[in-house]
């Protein structure tokens, strides 16, 4: 349903943001 889709999108965005922050903090960016 709609809420399930929104939840999945939010989870994906949060995961991306966290990965980006980790990358910047550790300097271990992976492309």
PDB file of N, CA and C in Angstrom:
ATOM      1  N   UNK A   1       0.818  -1.209   0.000  1.00  0.00           N
ATOM      2  CA  UNK A   1       0.000   0.000   0.000  1.00  0.00           C
ATOM      3  C   UNK A   1       0.853   1.260   0.000  1.00  0.00           C
ATOM      4  N   UNK A   2       0.154   2.377   0.087  1.00  0.00           N
ATOM      5  CA  UNK A   2       0.834   3.670   0.022  1.00  0.00           C
ATOM      6  C   UNK A   2       1.835   3.834   1.149  1.00  0.00           C
ATOM      7  N   UNK A   3       1.411   3.534   2.372  1.00  0.00           N
ATOM      8  CA  UNK A   3       2.302   3.738   3.524  1.00  0.00           C
ATOM      9  C   UNK A   3       3.514   2.824   3.454  1.00  0.00           C
ATOM     10  N   UNK A   4       3.315   1.618   2.948  1.00  0.00           N
ATOM     11  CA  UNK A   4       4.430   0.688   2.799  1.00  0.00           C
ATOM     12  C   UNK A   4       5.462   1.256   1.834  1.00  0.00           C
ATOM     13  N   UNK A   5       4.988   1.838   0.742  1.00  0.00           N
ATOM     14  CA  UNK A   5       5.891   2.431  -0.245  1.00  0.00           C
ATOM     15  C   UNK A   5       6.654   3.600   0.355  1.00  0.00           C
ATOM     16  N   UNK A   6       5.936   4.456   1.081  1.00  0.00           N
ATOM     17  CA  UNK A   6       6.580   5.613   1.712  1.00  0.00           C
ATOM     18  C   UNK A   6       7.624   5.150   2.712  1.00  0.00           C
ATOM     19  N   UNK A   7       7.274   4.123   3.486  1.00  0.00           N
ATOM     20  CA  UNK A   7       8.217   3.604   4.486  1.00  0.00           C
ATOM     21  C   UNK A   7       9.468   3.072   3.806  1.00  0.00           C
ATOM     22  N   UNK A   8       9.303   2.352   2.702  1.00  0.00           N
ATOM     23  CA  UNK A   8      10.455   1.807   1.989  1.00  0.00           C
ATOM     24  C   UNK A   8      11.327   2.925   1.429  1.00  0.00           C
ATOM     25  N   UNK A   9      10.694   3.950   0.870  1.00  0.00           N
ATOM     26  CA  UNK A   9      11.458   5.080   0.338  1.00  0.00           C
ATOM     27  C   UNK A   9      12.233   5.772   1.445  1.00  0.00           C
ATOM     28  N   UNK A  10      11.574   5.994   2.579  1.00  0.00           N
ATOM     29  CA  UNK A  10      12.222   6.662   3.704  1.00  0.00           C
ATOM     30  C   UNK A  10      13.411   5.845   4.193  1.00  0.00           C
ATOM     31  N   UNK A  11      13.230   4.521   4.243  1.00  0.00           N
ATOM     32  CA  UNK A  11      14.312   3.645   4.687  1.00  0.00           C
ATOM     33  C   UNK A  11      15.490   3.729   3.724  1.00  0.00           C
ATOM     34  N   UNK A  12      15.202   3.728   2.427  1.00  0.00           N
ATOM     35  CA  UNK A  12      16.265   3.804   1.431  1.00  0.00           C
ATOM     36  C   UNK A  12      17.014   5.124   1.525  1.00  0.00           C
ATOM     37  N   UNK A  13      16.267   6.213   1.686  1.00  0.00           N
ATOM     38  CA  UNK A  13      16.896   7.536   1.783  1.00  0.00           C
ATOM     39  C   UNK A  13      17.755   7.610   3.036  1.00  0.00           C
ATOM     40  N   UNK A  14      17.211   7.134   4.157  1.00  0.00           N
ATOM     41  CA  UNK A  14      17.958   7.171   5.413  1.00  0.00           C
ATOM     42  C   UNK A  14      19.240   6.358   5.281  1.00  0.00           C
ATOM     43  N   UNK A  15      19.141   5.196   4.650  1.00  0.00           N
ATOM     44  CA  UNK A  15      20.316   4.344   4.462  1.00  0.00           C
ATOM     45  C   UNK A  15      21.375   5.043   3.625  1.00  0.00           C
ATOM     46  N   UNK A  16      20.925   5.726   2.589  1.00  0.00           N
ATOM     47  CA  UNK A  16      21.860   6.442   1.722  1.00  0.00           C
ATOM     48  C   UNK A  16      22.547   7.568   2.474  1.00  0.00           C
ATOM     49  N   UNK A  17      21.762   8.310   3.261  1.00  0.00           N
ATOM     50  CA  UNK A  17      22.323   9.424   4.034  1.00  0.00           C
ATOM     51  C   UNK A  17      23.339   8.902   5.039  1.00  0.00           C
ATOM     52  N   UNK A  18      22.991   7.819   5.736  1.00  0.00           N
ATOM     53  CA  UNK A  18      23.895   7.248   6.735  1.00  0.00           C
ATOM     54  C   UNK A  18      25.183   6.776   6.069  1.00  0.00           C
ATOM     55  N   UNK A  19      25.046   6.101   4.924  1.00  0.00           N
ATOM     56  CA  UNK A  19      26.235   5.633   4.212  1.00  0.00           C
ATOM     57  C   UNK A  19      27.115   6.810   3.803  1.00  0.00           C
ATOM     58  N   UNK A  20      26.489   7.888   3.349  1.00  0.00           N
ATOM     59  CA  UNK A  20      27.248   9.071   2.929  1.00  0.00           C
ATOM     60  C   UNK A  20      27.985   9.683   4.110  1.00  0.00           C
ATOM     61  N   UNK A  21      27.301   9.785   5.244  1.00  0.00           N
ATOM     62  CA  UNK A  21      27.942  10.348   6.436  1.00  0.00           C
ATOM     63  C   UNK A  21      29.106   9.475   6.874  1.00  0.00           C
ATOM     64  N   UNK A  22      28.897   8.157   6.897  1.00  0.00           N
ATOM     65  CA  UNK A  22      29.982   7.235   7.272  1.00  0.00           C
ATOM     66  C   UNK A  22      31.156   7.417   6.330  1.00  0.00           C
ATOM     67  N   UNK A  23      30.853   7.527   5.034  1.00  0.00           N
ATOM     68  CA  UNK A  23      31.890   7.690   4.022  1.00  0.00           C
ATOM     69  C   UNK A  23      32.713   8.931   4.305  1.00  0.00           C
ATOM     70  N   UNK A  24      32.033  10.051   4.608  1.00  0.00           N
ATOM     71  CA  UNK A  24      32.757  11.298   4.863  1.00  0.00           C
ATOM     72  C   UNK A  24      33.536  11.230   6.160  1.00  0.00           C
ATOM     73  N   UNK A  25      32.955  10.599   7.183  1.00  0.00           N
ATOM     74  CA  UNK A  25      33.613  10.538   8.489  1.00  0.00           C
ATOM     75  C   UNK A  25      34.853   9.653   8.423  1.00  0.00           C
ATOM     76  N   UNK A  26      34.728   8.499   7.773  1.00  0.00           N
ATOM     77  CA  UNK A  26      35.835   7.545   7.752  1.00  0.00           C
ATOM     78  C   UNK A  26      36.781   7.801   6.595  1.00  0.00           C
ATOM     79  N   UNK A  27      36.341   8.574   5.588  1.00  0.00           N
ATOM     80  CA  UNK A  27      37.161   8.818   4.409  1.00  0.00           C
ATOM     81  C   UNK A  27      37.272   7.573   3.556  1.00  0.00           C
ATOM     82  N   UNK A  28      36.332   6.638   3.732  1.00  0.00           N
ATOM     83  CA  UNK A  28      36.388   5.380   2.986  1.00  0.00           C
ATOM     84  C   UNK A  28      35.307   5.309   1.938  1.00  0.00           C
ATOM     85  N   UNK A  29      35.226   6.343   1.097  1.00  0.00           N
ATOM     86  CA  UNK A  29      34.189   6.378   0.069  1.00  0.00           C
ATOM     87  C   UNK A  29      34.394   5.251  -0.935  1.00  0.00           C
ATOM     88  N   UNK A  30      33.297   4.570  -1.241  1.00  0.00           N
ATOM     89  CA  UNK A  30      33.332   3.530  -2.275  1.00  0.00           C
ATOM     90  C   UNK A  30      32.442   3.978  -3.420  1.00  0.00           C
ATOM     91  N   UNK A  31      32.952   3.888  -4.649  1.00  0.00           N
ATOM     92  CA  UNK A  31      32.137   4.287  -5.783  1.00  0.00           C
ATOM     93  C   UNK A  31      31.510   3.088  -6.454  1.00  0.00           C
TER      94      UNK A  31
END
